[in-house]
Amino acid sequence: MYERIEKLRKNKGLTVRKVEEDNGFSNGSLKKISPKTECGRILSLSKYFGVSMEYLITGQTGSGTSLTTKKSLTGLYPRKAHIVKNVC
């Protein structure tokens, strides 16, 4: 998940600190982002970068949804269900 955030951050020419400040995260916390991170932080980052939570969590796009619910994520990606259940 962090790799996708890094790619998005670099594509926008942003520093790690800028992303952290803009999202109200403490210094160094962006590197600790994982699928087990609280839902609010993942939502904040998805809105910030203009991508879906689904993309940040699974790395996949194109399901026709943007900010999806835990139920729909679990249905779309049954092999990732264990991750999704821990997210939100």
C-alpha atoms as a PDB file:
ATOM      1  CA  MET A   1       0.000   0.000   0.000  1.00  0.00           C
ATOM      2  CA  TYR A   2       2.800   2.397   0.863  1.00  0.00           C
ATOM      3  CA  GLU A   3       4.311   1.817  -2.572  1.00  0.00           C
ATOM      4  CA  ARG A   4       1.124   3.107  -4.236  1.00  0.00           C
ATOM      5  CA  ILE A   5       1.099   6.165  -1.986  1.00  0.00           C
ATOM      6  CA  GLU A   6       4.749   6.817  -2.834  1.00  0.00           C
ATOM      7  CA  LYS A   7       3.999   6.578  -6.551  1.00  0.00           C
ATOM      8  CA  LEU A   8       1.085   9.009  -6.232  1.00  0.00           C
ATOM      9  CA  ARG A   9       3.157  11.369  -4.087  1.00  0.00           C
ATOM     10  CA  LYS A  10       6.071  11.408  -6.528  1.00  0.00           C
ATOM     11  CA  ASN A  11       3.777  11.859  -9.541  1.00  0.00           C
ATOM     12  CA  LYS A  12       2.384  14.994  -7.909  1.00  0.00           C
ATOM     13  CA  GLY A  13       5.857  16.257  -6.941  1.00  0.00           C
ATOM     14  CA  LEU A  14       5.046  16.269  -3.216  1.00  0.00           C
ATOM     15  CA  THR A  15       7.333  15.605  -0.286  1.00  0.00           C
ATOM     16  CA  VAL A  16       6.448  13.052   2.352  1.00  0.00           C
ATOM     17  CA  ARG A  17       6.256  15.837   4.922  1.00  0.00           C
ATOM     18  CA  LYS A  18       3.857  17.888   2.747  1.00  0.00           C
ATOM     19  CA  VAL A  19       1.477  14.925   2.411  1.00  0.00           C
ATOM     20  CA  GLU A  20       1.677  14.302   6.163  1.00  0.00           C
ATOM     21  CA  GLU A  21       1.039  17.961   7.012  1.00  0.00           C
ATOM     22  CA  ASP A  22      -1.840  18.312   4.551  1.00  0.00           C
ATOM     23  CA  ASN A  23      -3.528  15.234   6.027  1.00  0.00           C
ATOM     24  CA  GLY A  24      -2.871  16.053   9.677  1.00  0.00           C
ATOM     25  CA  PHE A  25      -0.488  13.125  10.177  1.00  0.00           C
ATOM     26  CA  SER A  26       2.496  13.249  12.512  1.00  0.00           C
ATOM     27  CA  ASN A  27       6.024  13.331  11.133  1.00  0.00           C
ATOM     28  CA  GLY A  28       7.060   9.895   9.870  1.00  0.00           C
ATOM     29  CA  SER A  29       3.593   8.344  10.061  1.00  0.00           C
ATOM     30  CA  LEU A  30       3.092   8.066   6.286  1.00  0.00           C
ATOM     31  CA  LYS A  31       5.674   5.283   6.097  1.00  0.00           C
ATOM     32  CA  LYS A  32       3.646   3.307   8.635  1.00  0.00           C
ATOM     33  CA  ILE A  33       0.494   3.282   6.478  1.00  0.00           C
ATOM     34  CA  SER A  34      -0.740  -0.249   5.827  1.00  0.00           C
ATOM     35  CA  PRO A  35      -4.035  -2.001   5.102  1.00  0.00           C
ATOM     36  CA  LYS A  36      -4.483  -2.253   8.880  1.00  0.00           C
ATOM     37  CA  THR A  37      -4.355   1.548   9.237  1.00  0.00           C
ATOM     38  CA  GLU A  38      -7.522   3.163  10.530  1.00  0.00           C
ATOM     39  CA  CYS A  39     -10.137   3.792   7.884  1.00  0.00           C
ATOM     40  CA  GLY A  40     -10.134   7.576   8.356  1.00  0.00           C
ATOM     41  CA  ARG A  41      -6.497   7.900   7.347  1.00  0.00           C
ATOM     42  CA  ILE A  42      -6.959   5.755   4.259  1.00  0.00           C
ATOM     43  CA  LEU A  43     -10.036   7.793   3.307  1.00  0.00           C
ATOM     44  CA  SER A  44      -8.104  11.027   3.830  1.00  0.00           C
ATOM     45  CA  LEU A  45      -5.295   9.846   1.554  1.00  0.00           C
ATOM     46  CA  SER A  46      -7.697   8.564  -1.106  1.00  0.00           C
ATOM     47  CA  LYS A  47      -9.423  11.954  -1.265  1.00  0.00           C
ATOM     48  CA  TYR A  48      -6.093  13.791  -1.194  1.00  0.00           C
ATOM     49  CA  PHE A  49      -4.726  11.879  -4.173  1.00  0.00           C
ATOM     50  CA  GLY A  50      -8.066  11.575  -5.974  1.00  0.00           C
ATOM     51  CA  VAL A  51      -8.079   7.782  -5.984  1.00  0.00           C
ATOM     52  CA  SER A  52     -10.368   5.218  -4.394  1.00  0.00           C
ATOM     53  CA  MET A  53      -9.762   3.499  -1.089  1.00  0.00           C
ATOM     54  CA  GLU A  54     -10.011   0.318  -3.115  1.00  0.00           C
ATOM     55  CA  TYR A  55      -6.965   1.324  -5.140  1.00  0.00           C
ATOM     56  CA  LEU A  56      -4.913   2.181  -2.070  1.00  0.00           C
ATOM     57  CA  ILE A  57      -5.815  -1.082  -0.338  1.00  0.00           C
ATOM     58  CA  THR A  58      -5.733  -3.559  -3.219  1.00  0.00           C
ATOM     59  CA  GLY A  59      -3.822  -1.789  -5.979  1.00  0.00           C
ATOM     60  CA  GLN A  60      -6.626  -2.547  -8.404  1.00  0.00           C
ATOM     61  CA  THR A  61      -8.920  -0.174 -10.272  1.00  0.00           C
ATOM     62  CA  GLY A  62     -11.675  -0.369 -12.815  1.00  0.00           C
ATOM     63  CA  SER A  63     -14.442  -1.985 -10.804  1.00  0.00           C
ATOM     64  CA  GLY A  64     -16.728   0.950 -11.504  1.00  0.00           C
ATOM     65  CA  THR A  65     -16.633   2.211  -7.933  1.00  0.00           C
ATOM     66  CA  SER A  66     -14.807   5.054  -6.281  1.00  0.00           C
ATOM     67  CA  LEU A  67     -14.963   5.117  -2.484  1.00  0.00           C
ATOM     68  CA  THR A  68     -16.316   1.662  -1.836  1.00  0.00           C
ATOM     69  CA  THR A  69     -17.664   0.074   1.295  1.00  0.00           C
ATOM     70  CA  LYS A  70     -16.025  -2.745   3.187  1.00  0.00           C
ATOM     71  CA  LYS A  71     -18.790  -5.100   2.055  1.00  0.00           C
ATOM     72  CA  SER A  72     -18.305  -4.339  -1.623  1.00  0.00           C
ATOM     73  CA  LEU A  73     -14.518  -4.544  -1.346  1.00  0.00           C
ATOM     74  CA  THR A  74     -14.794  -7.954   0.279  1.00  0.00           C
ATOM     75  CA  GLY A  75     -17.118  -9.113  -2.508  1.00  0.00           C
ATOM     76  CA  LEU A  76     -14.913  -7.753  -5.272  1.00  0.00           C
ATOM     77  CA  TYR A  77     -11.687  -9.111  -3.851  1.00  0.00           C
ATOM     78  CA  PRO A  78     -12.417 -12.249  -1.839  1.00  0.00           C
ATOM     79  CA  ARG A  79      -8.720 -13.123  -1.623  1.00  0.00           C
ATOM     80  CA  LYS A  80      -8.136  -9.727   0.046  1.00  0.00           C
ATOM     81  CA  ALA A  81     -11.087 -10.125   2.454  1.00  0.00           C
ATOM     82  CA  HIS A  82      -8.792 -10.648   5.429  1.00  0.00           C
ATOM     83  CA  ILE A  83      -7.212  -7.244   4.726  1.00  0.00           C
ATOM     84  CA  VAL A  84     -10.494  -5.446   4.102  1.00  0.00           C
ATOM     85  CA  LYS A  85     -12.040  -6.756   7.317  1.00  0.00           C
ATOM     86  CA  ASN A  86      -9.232  -5.163   9.310  1.00  0.00           C
ATOM     87  CA  VAL A  87      -9.415  -1.785   7.576  1.00  0.00           C
ATOM     88  CA  CYS A  88     -12.763  -0.167   8.353  1.00  0.00           C
END
